[in-house]
Amino acid sequence: MVRVLAAAAMIAALPLTVSAQEPVPAAITDGTLLDVVAEGQATRVPDIATIRAGVVTAAPIAAAALSANAAQMARVLAALKAAGIATRDVQTATISLNPQYRYAENQPPVITGYQASNSVAVKFRDIARSGAILDALVAQGANQIDGPSLGIDQLDAAQDEARVDAVKRARARADLYARALGMRVERLIALSEGDGAMPGPVPAMMVRAQSAKDRTEVAPGEQQVGVTVRVRFLLK
């Protein structure tokens, strides 16, 4: 999508100033300035998934809740290691211990026990295997799963593709305006890059009970990478 920022101004008729801080080059003596904003896009299938998996346990006393949580979490971490997840791709996300209360009318709250929670953020570099690994984690005691957050590993390459697309779109629109005015694009005067993040469709994560025919699946979908450029052309 390309938007014209400002109507083209004939240099011969009006003072040629872009802003107080950006004087027009003295070499431009006649012609028409055209400012264009163009958004370029590149589409990729996400190849990295980050999912948070954790353990929540409860017990009458704090130490027991925390101890049970640690033992259960150790099995979850062992399952991740057995699945081939590298240590660098597992990071502790949260650890918490909170009292649980019973409330009664006109009575102060009474502590009835404690809840311990421990979760890790796991980066899956093979999205196709992530569902099966999550099932294995649940089998080993994980009872809290959030996500996924999907991403693109080689993001720079996708952004470069979007940049090329943006410049092509800007030039095509400049040519269109030049033809409509009976002119031609003489040259590019200035180019700058702005923000152009365009989130793709929200990926689907289907968490289901594990069985021979019914397993967790993570659908990667597609994501769009966007770059916005602002381009100034000289028309003659």
C-alpha atoms as a PDB file:
ATOM      1  CA  MET A   1       0.000   0.000   0.000  1.00  0.00           C
ATOM      2  CA  VAL A   2       1.433   3.352  -1.014  1.00  0.00           C
ATOM      3  CA  ARG A   3       0.263   6.745   0.146  1.00  0.00           C
ATOM      4  CA  VAL A   4       1.206  10.114  -1.258  1.00  0.00           C
ATOM      5  CA  LEU A   5       2.276  12.287   1.651  1.00  0.00           C
ATOM      6  CA  ALA A   6       1.862  15.669   0.005  1.00  0.00           C
ATOM      7  CA  ALA A   7       0.694  17.101  -3.278  1.00  0.00           C
ATOM      8  CA  ALA A   8       3.516  17.701  -5.706  1.00  0.00           C
ATOM      9  CA  ALA A   9       4.606  21.336  -5.697  1.00  0.00           C
ATOM     10  CA  MET A  10       6.013  23.029  -8.766  1.00  0.00           C
ATOM     11  CA  ILE A  11       9.431  24.274  -7.808  1.00  0.00           C
ATOM     12  CA  ALA A  12       9.343  27.099 -10.284  1.00  0.00           C
ATOM     13  CA  ALA A  13       6.214  28.508  -8.660  1.00  0.00           C
ATOM     14  CA  LEU A  14       6.852  27.980  -4.939  1.00  0.00           C
ATOM     15  CA  PRO A  15       9.849  28.279  -2.601  1.00  0.00           C
ATOM     16  CA  LEU A  16      11.584  24.930  -2.435  1.00  0.00           C
ATOM     17  CA  THR A  17      11.997  24.027   1.218  1.00  0.00           C
ATOM     18  CA  VAL A  18      11.365  20.602   2.752  1.00  0.00           C
ATOM     19  CA  SER A  19      11.619  21.841   6.312  1.00  0.00           C
ATOM     20  CA  ALA A  20      13.586  24.366   8.294  1.00  0.00           C
ATOM     21  CA  GLN A  21      16.220  21.697   8.922  1.00  0.00           C
ATOM     22  CA  GLU A  22      16.248  20.162   5.418  1.00  0.00           C
ATOM     23  CA  PRO A  23      16.996  22.676   2.632  1.00  0.00           C
ATOM     24  CA  VAL A  24      16.405  21.582  -0.954  1.00  0.00           C
ATOM     25  CA  PRO A  25      19.700  21.081  -2.839  1.00  0.00           C
ATOM     26  CA  ALA A  26      20.710  24.096  -4.860  1.00  0.00           C
ATOM     27  CA  ALA A  27      21.146  21.878  -7.949  1.00  0.00           C
ATOM     28  CA  ILE A  28      17.338  21.536  -8.231  1.00  0.00           C
ATOM     29  CA  THR A  29      16.188  24.514 -10.261  1.00  0.00           C
ATOM     30  CA  ASP A  30      12.907  23.317 -11.719  1.00  0.00           C
ATOM     31  CA  GLY A  31      10.639  20.337 -11.581  1.00  0.00           C
ATOM     32  CA  THR A  32       8.144  18.819  -9.202  1.00  0.00           C
ATOM     33  CA  LEU A  33       8.870  17.149  -5.882  1.00  0.00           C
ATOM     34  CA  LEU A  34       6.844  14.050  -5.062  1.00  0.00           C
ATOM     35  CA  ASP A  35       6.887  12.440  -1.604  1.00  0.00           C
ATOM     36  CA  VAL A  36       5.733   8.822  -1.363  1.00  0.00           C
ATOM     37  CA  VAL A  37       5.404   6.337   1.499  1.00  0.00           C
ATOM     38  CA  ALA A  38       5.520   2.665   0.517  1.00  0.00           C
ATOM     39  CA  GLU A  39       5.094  -0.482   2.575  1.00  0.00           C
ATOM     40  CA  GLY A  40       6.904  -3.579   1.382  1.00  0.00           C
ATOM     41  CA  GLN A  41       6.122  -7.073   2.549  1.00  0.00           C
ATOM     42  CA  ALA A  42       7.710 -10.492   2.739  1.00  0.00           C
ATOM     43  CA  THR A  43       5.854 -13.629   3.820  1.00  0.00           C
ATOM     44  CA  ARG A  44       7.454 -16.438   5.776  1.00  0.00           C
ATOM     45  CA  VAL A  45       6.354 -19.604   7.532  1.00  0.00           C
ATOM     46  CA  PRO A  46       7.517 -19.275  11.169  1.00  0.00           C
ATOM     47  CA  ASP A  47      10.297 -21.709  12.034  1.00  0.00           C
ATOM     48  CA  ILE A  48      10.742 -20.971  15.752  1.00  0.00           C
ATOM     49  CA  ALA A  49       8.172 -21.462  18.504  1.00  0.00           C
ATOM     50  CA  THR A  50       8.536 -20.328  22.108  1.00  0.00           C
ATOM     51  CA  ILE A  51       6.160 -22.024  24.535  1.00  0.00           C
ATOM     52  CA  ARG A  52       5.972 -21.679  28.306  1.00  0.00           C
ATOM     53  CA  ALA A  53       5.565 -24.938  30.202  1.00  0.00           C
ATOM     54  CA  GLY A  54       5.306 -25.180  33.957  1.00  0.00           C
ATOM     55  CA  VAL A  55       4.240 -26.998  37.081  1.00  0.00           C
ATOM     56  CA  VAL A  56       1.727 -25.858  39.696  1.00  0.00           C
ATOM     57  CA  THR A  57       1.562 -27.732  43.004  1.00  0.00           C
ATOM     58  CA  ALA A  58      -0.258 -27.193  46.285  1.00  0.00           C
ATOM     59  CA  ALA A  59       0.306 -28.369  49.858  1.00  0.00           C
ATOM     60  CA  PRO A  60      -0.772 -27.393  53.395  1.00  0.00           C
ATOM     61  CA  ILE A  61       2.654 -25.909  54.186  1.00  0.00           C
ATOM     62  CA  ALA A  62       4.920 -23.781  52.023  1.00  0.00           C
ATOM     63  CA  ALA A  63       7.978 -26.033  52.156  1.00  0.00           C
ATOM     64  CA  ALA A  64       5.975 -29.058  51.037  1.00  0.00           C
ATOM     65  CA  ALA A  65       4.427 -27.172  48.105  1.00  0.00           C
ATOM     66  CA  LEU A  66       7.818 -25.937  46.958  1.00  0.00           C
ATOM     67  CA  SER A  67       9.484 -29.332  47.404  1.00  0.00           C
ATOM     68  CA  ALA A  68       6.800 -31.140  45.434  1.00  0.00           C
ATOM     69  CA  ASN A  69       7.037 -28.502  42.725  1.00  0.00           C
ATOM     70  CA  ALA A  70      10.822 -28.884  42.444  1.00  0.00           C
ATOM     71  CA  ALA A  71      10.566 -32.672  42.113  1.00  0.00           C
ATOM     72  CA  GLN A  72       7.871 -32.429  39.442  1.00  0.00           C
ATOM     73  CA  MET A  73       9.752 -29.731  37.546  1.00  0.00           C
ATOM     74  CA  ALA A  74      12.912 -31.848  37.556  1.00  0.00           C
ATOM     75  CA  ARG A  75      11.040 -34.519  35.611  1.00  0.00           C
ATOM     76  CA  VAL A  76       9.825 -31.918  33.116  1.00  0.00           C
ATOM     77  CA  LEU A  77      13.363 -30.618  32.559  1.00  0.00           C
ATOM     78  CA  ALA A  78      14.639 -34.166  32.145  1.00  0.00           C
ATOM     79  CA  ALA A  79      11.970 -34.780  29.504  1.00  0.00           C
ATOM     80  CA  LEU A  80      13.109 -31.676  27.609  1.00  0.00           C
ATOM     81  CA  LYS A  81      16.693 -32.884  27.661  1.00  0.00           C
ATOM     82  CA  ALA A  82      15.650 -36.368  26.515  1.00  0.00           C
ATOM     83  CA  ALA A  83      13.750 -34.778  23.613  1.00  0.00           C
ATOM     84  CA  GLY A  84      16.944 -33.117  22.426  1.00  0.00           C
ATOM     85  CA  ILE A  85      16.137 -29.550  23.462  1.00  0.00           C
ATOM     86  CA  ALA A  86      19.423 -27.686  23.961  1.00  0.00           C
ATOM     87  CA  THR A  87      20.168 -26.096  27.328  1.00  0.00           C
ATOM     88  CA  ARG A  88      20.415 -22.671  25.673  1.00  0.00           C
ATOM     89  CA  ASP A  89      16.796 -23.020  24.532  1.00  0.00           C
ATOM     90  CA  VAL A  90      15.349 -23.526  28.034  1.00  0.00           C
ATOM     91  CA  GLN A  91      15.054 -20.488  30.305  1.00  0.00           C
ATOM     92  CA  THR A  92      13.330 -20.122  33.669  1.00  0.00           C
ATOM     93  CA  ALA A  93      10.355 -17.799  33.218  1.00  0.00           C
ATOM     94  CA  THR A  94       8.641 -17.652  36.628  1.00  0.00           C
ATOM     95  CA  ILE A  95       8.940 -19.062  40.128  1.00  0.00           C
ATOM     96  CA  SER A  96       6.284 -18.199  42.672  1.00  0.00           C
ATOM     97  CA  LEU A  97       4.897 -19.320  46.022  1.00  0.00           C
ATOM     98  CA  ASN A  98       1.561 -17.927  47.178  1.00  0.00           C
ATOM     99  CA  PRO A  99      -0.719 -18.594  50.153  1.00  0.00           C
ATOM    100  CA  GLN A 100      -4.239 -19.860  49.509  1.00  0.00           C
ATOM    101  CA  TYR A 101      -7.053 -18.378  51.582  1.00  0.00           C
ATOM    102  CA  ARG A 102     -10.503 -19.339  52.775  1.00  0.00           C
ATOM    103  CA  TYR A 103     -12.904 -16.444  53.048  1.00  0.00           C
ATOM    104  CA  ALA A 104     -15.953 -16.277  55.304  1.00  0.00           C
ATOM    105  CA  GLU A 105     -18.410 -13.509  55.948  1.00  0.00           C
ATOM    106  CA  ASN A 106     -17.344 -11.135  58.725  1.00  0.00           C
ATOM    107  CA  GLN A 107     -14.219 -13.212  59.311  1.00  0.00           C
ATOM    108  CA  PRO A 108     -10.575 -12.480  58.472  1.00  0.00           C
ATOM    109  CA  PRO A 109      -9.086 -14.629  55.676  1.00  0.00           C
ATOM    110  CA  VAL A 110      -7.573 -17.916  56.817  1.00  0.00           C
ATOM    111  CA  ILE A 111      -4.566 -19.491  55.093  1.00  0.00           C
ATOM    112  CA  THR A 112      -5.488 -23.002  54.017  1.00  0.00           C
ATOM    113  CA  GLY A 113      -2.311 -23.917  52.157  1.00  0.00           C
ATOM    114  CA  TYR A 114       0.272 -22.791  49.628  1.00  0.00           C
ATOM    115  CA  GLN A 115       0.576 -22.954  45.870  1.00  0.00           C
ATOM    116  CA  ALA A 116       3.965 -23.161  44.177  1.00  0.00           C
ATOM    117  CA  SER A 117       4.511 -22.448  40.496  1.00  0.00           C
ATOM    118  CA  ASN A 118       7.567 -22.854  38.281  1.00  0.00           C
ATOM    119  CA  SER A 119       7.646 -22.393  34.515  1.00  0.00           C
ATOM    120  CA  VAL A 120      10.242 -22.354  31.766  1.00  0.00           C
ATOM    121  CA  ALA A 121      10.221 -20.738  28.331  1.00  0.00           C
ATOM    122  CA  VAL A 122      11.188 -23.355  25.765  1.00  0.00           C
ATOM    123  CA  LYS A 123      12.344 -22.458  22.271  1.00  0.00           C
ATOM    124  CA  PHE A 124      11.488 -25.111  19.694  1.00  0.00           C
ATOM    125  CA  ARG A 125      13.606 -24.888  16.563  1.00  0.00           C
ATOM    126  CA  ASP A 126      11.586 -27.664  14.929  1.00  0.00           C
ATOM    127  CA  ILE A 127       7.940 -26.602  15.181  1.00  0.00           C
ATOM    128  CA  ALA A 128       6.738 -29.901  13.766  1.00  0.00           C
ATOM    129  CA  ARG A 129       8.056 -31.689  16.875  1.00  0.00           C
ATOM    130  CA  SER A 130       6.835 -29.182  19.441  1.00  0.00           C
ATOM    131  CA  GLY A 131       3.384 -30.713  19.887  1.00  0.00           C
ATOM    132  CA  ALA A 132       4.733 -34.185  20.586  1.00  0.00           C
ATOM    133  CA  ILE A 133       7.271 -32.761  23.046  1.00  0.00           C
ATOM    134  CA  LEU A 134       4.542 -30.875  24.886  1.00  0.00           C
ATOM    135  CA  ASP A 135       2.608 -34.123  25.251  1.00  0.00           C
ATOM    136  CA  ALA A 136       5.722 -35.720  26.730  1.00  0.00           C
ATOM    137  CA  LEU A 137       6.080 -32.826  29.186  1.00  0.00           C
ATOM    138  CA  VAL A 138       2.487 -33.228  30.351  1.00  0.00           C
ATOM    139  CA  ALA A 139       3.116 -36.930  30.853  1.00  0.00           C
ATOM    140  CA  GLN A 140       6.040 -36.014  33.120  1.00  0.00           C
ATOM    141  CA  GLY A 141       4.086 -33.570  35.272  1.00  0.00           C
ATOM    142  CA  ALA A 142       3.742 -30.270  33.398  1.00  0.00           C
ATOM    143  CA  ASN A 143       0.254 -28.936  34.104  1.00  0.00           C
ATOM    144  CA  GLN A 144       0.563 -25.365  32.831  1.00  0.00           C
ATOM    145  CA  ILE A 145       1.209 -24.513  29.163  1.00  0.00           C
ATOM    146  CA  ASP A 146       1.028 -21.094  27.491  1.00  0.00           C
ATOM    147  CA  GLY A 147       1.810 -20.021  23.951  1.00  0.00           C
ATOM    148  CA  PRO A 148       3.039 -20.402  21.365  1.00  0.00           C
ATOM    149  CA  SER A 149       4.924 -17.283  20.327  1.00  0.00           C
ATOM    150  CA  LEU A 150       6.053 -17.979  16.771  1.00  0.00           C
ATOM    151  CA  GLY A 151       8.938 -16.249  15.044  1.00  0.00           C
ATOM    152  CA  ILE A 152      11.310 -16.257  12.094  1.00  0.00           C
ATOM    153  CA  ASP A 153      14.892 -17.358  12.605  1.00  0.00           C
ATOM    154  CA  GLN A 154      16.444 -15.576   9.611  1.00  0.00           C
ATOM    155  CA  LEU A 155      14.542 -12.319  10.106  1.00  0.00           C
ATOM    156  CA  ASP A 156      17.166 -10.098   8.442  1.00  0.00           C
ATOM    157  CA  ALA A 157      16.765 -11.865   5.103  1.00  0.00           C
ATOM    158  CA  ALA A 158      12.978 -11.436   5.227  1.00  0.00           C
ATOM    159  CA  GLN A 159      13.346  -7.747   6.088  1.00  0.00           C
ATOM    160  CA  ASP A 160      15.729  -7.202   3.165  1.00  0.00           C
ATOM    161  CA  GLU A 161      13.174  -8.775   0.827  1.00  0.00           C
ATOM    162  CA  ALA A 162      10.518  -6.429   2.211  1.00  0.00           C
ATOM    163  CA  ARG A 163      12.841  -3.440   1.666  1.00  0.00           C
ATOM    164  CA  VAL A 164      13.295  -4.297  -1.992  1.00  0.00           C
ATOM    165  CA  ASP A 165       9.533  -4.694  -2.356  1.00  0.00           C
ATOM    166  CA  ALA A 166       8.919  -1.317  -0.701  1.00  0.00           C
ATOM    167  CA  VAL A 167      11.330   0.516  -3.019  1.00  0.00           C
ATOM    168  CA  LYS A 168       9.763  -1.129  -6.083  1.00  0.00           C
ATOM    169  CA  ARG A 169       6.298  -0.099  -4.935  1.00  0.00           C
ATOM    170  CA  ALA A 170       7.437   3.480  -4.329  1.00  0.00           C
ATOM    171  CA  ARG A 171       9.036   3.749  -7.776  1.00  0.00           C
ATOM    172  CA  ALA A 172       5.976   2.237  -9.498  1.00  0.00           C
ATOM    173  CA  ARG A 173       3.677   4.770  -7.847  1.00  0.00           C
ATOM    174  CA  ALA A 174       6.037   7.632  -8.723  1.00  0.00           C
ATOM    175  CA  ASP A 175       6.011   6.496 -12.371  1.00  0.00           C
ATOM    176  CA  LEU A 176       2.191   6.412 -12.270  1.00  0.00           C
ATOM    177  CA  TYR A 177       1.957  10.005 -11.031  1.00  0.00           C
ATOM    178  CA  ALA A 178       4.586  11.161 -13.516  1.00  0.00           C
ATOM    179  CA  ARG A 179       2.651   9.665 -16.434  1.00  0.00           C
ATOM    180  CA  ALA A 180      -0.594  11.225 -15.194  1.00  0.00           C
ATOM    181  CA  LEU A 181       1.151  14.606 -15.129  1.00  0.00           C
ATOM    182  CA  GLY A 182       2.780  14.147 -18.525  1.00  0.00           C
ATOM    183  CA  MET A 183       6.187  14.075 -16.845  1.00  0.00           C
ATOM    184  CA  ARG A 184       8.904  11.570 -16.015  1.00  0.00           C
ATOM    185  CA  VAL A 185      10.798  10.589 -12.895  1.00  0.00           C
ATOM    186  CA  GLU A 186      14.100  12.413 -13.146  1.00  0.00           C
ATOM    187  CA  ARG A 187      15.786  10.961 -10.079  1.00  0.00           C
ATOM    188  CA  LEU A 188      15.466  10.024  -6.447  1.00  0.00           C
ATOM    189  CA  ILE A 189      16.146  12.873  -4.038  1.00  0.00           C
ATOM    190  CA  ALA A 190      15.941  11.167  -0.640  1.00  0.00           C
ATOM    191  CA  LEU A 191      14.998   7.869   0.959  1.00  0.00           C
ATOM    192  CA  SER A 192      14.468   6.917   4.588  1.00  0.00           C
ATOM    193  CA  GLU A 193      13.192   3.834   6.355  1.00  0.00           C
ATOM    194  CA  GLY A 194      10.461   3.843   8.970  1.00  0.00           C
ATOM    195  CA  ASP A 195       8.609   1.299  11.064  1.00  0.00           C
ATOM    196  CA  GLY A 196       6.554  -1.206   9.176  1.00  0.00           C
ATOM    197  CA  ALA A 197       5.849  -4.126  11.457  1.00  0.00           C
ATOM    198  CA  MET A 198       2.905  -6.100  10.171  1.00  0.00           C
ATOM    199  CA  PRO A 199       1.942  -9.045  12.353  1.00  0.00           C
ATOM    200  CA  GLY A 200       0.671 -12.055  10.501  1.00  0.00           C
ATOM    201  CA  PRO A 201      -2.265 -14.267  11.356  1.00  0.00           C
ATOM    202  CA  VAL A 202      -2.378 -15.456  14.955  1.00  0.00           C
ATOM    203  CA  PRO A 203      -1.021 -19.024  14.945  1.00  0.00           C
ATOM    204  CA  ALA A 204      -3.219 -21.769  16.272  1.00  0.00           C
ATOM    205  CA  MET A 205      -2.218 -23.987  19.160  1.00  0.00           C
ATOM    206  CA  MET A 206      -4.533 -26.882  19.835  1.00  0.00           C
ATOM    207  CA  VAL A 207      -3.985 -28.523  23.234  1.00  0.00           C
ATOM    208  CA  ARG A 208      -5.729 -31.861  23.457  1.00  0.00           C
ATOM    209  CA  ALA A 209      -5.530 -35.025  25.515  1.00  0.00           C
ATOM    210  CA  GLN A 210      -2.805 -37.389  24.380  1.00  0.00           C
ATOM    211  CA  SER A 211      -3.894 -40.628  22.745  1.00  0.00           C
ATOM    212  CA  ALA A 212      -2.907 -42.729  19.776  1.00  0.00           C
ATOM    213  CA  LYS A 213      -5.067 -40.625  17.437  1.00  0.00           C
ATOM    214  CA  ASP A 214      -5.298 -37.342  19.297  1.00  0.00           C
ATOM    215  CA  ARG A 215      -2.118 -35.406  19.912  1.00  0.00           C
ATOM    216  CA  THR A 216      -1.237 -31.762  20.465  1.00  0.00           C
ATOM    217  CA  GLU A 217      -0.578 -29.880  17.264  1.00  0.00           C
ATOM    218  CA  VAL A 218       0.990 -26.482  16.642  1.00  0.00           C
ATOM    219  CA  ALA A 219      -0.014 -24.886  13.330  1.00  0.00           C
ATOM    220  CA  PRO A 220       2.634 -22.324  12.264  1.00  0.00           C
ATOM    221  CA  GLY A 221       0.554 -20.488   9.657  1.00  0.00           C
ATOM    222  CA  GLU A 222       2.313 -17.545   8.006  1.00  0.00           C
ATOM    223  CA  GLN A 223       3.741 -14.245   9.183  1.00  0.00           C
ATOM    224  CA  GLN A 224       4.280 -11.047   7.244  1.00  0.00           C
ATOM    225  CA  VAL A 225       7.412  -8.987   7.707  1.00  0.00           C
ATOM    226  CA  GLY A 226       6.962  -5.355   6.733  1.00  0.00           C
ATOM    227  CA  VAL A 227       9.227  -2.393   6.048  1.00  0.00           C
ATOM    228  CA  THR A 228       8.111   1.172   5.328  1.00  0.00           C
ATOM    229  CA  VAL A 229      10.163   3.560   3.222  1.00  0.00           C
ATOM    230  CA  ARG A 230       9.688   7.265   2.609  1.00  0.00           C
ATOM    231  CA  VAL A 231      10.947   8.352  -0.778  1.00  0.00           C
ATOM    232  CA  ARG A 232      11.248  11.765  -2.438  1.00  0.00           C
ATOM    233  CA  PHE A 233      11.405  11.903  -6.228  1.00  0.00           C
ATOM    234  CA  LEU A 234      12.069  14.749  -8.643  1.00  0.00           C
ATOM    235  CA  LEU A 235       9.677  14.815 -11.582  1.00  0.00           C
ATOM    236  CA  LYS A 236      10.353  16.731 -14.795  1.00  0.00           C
END
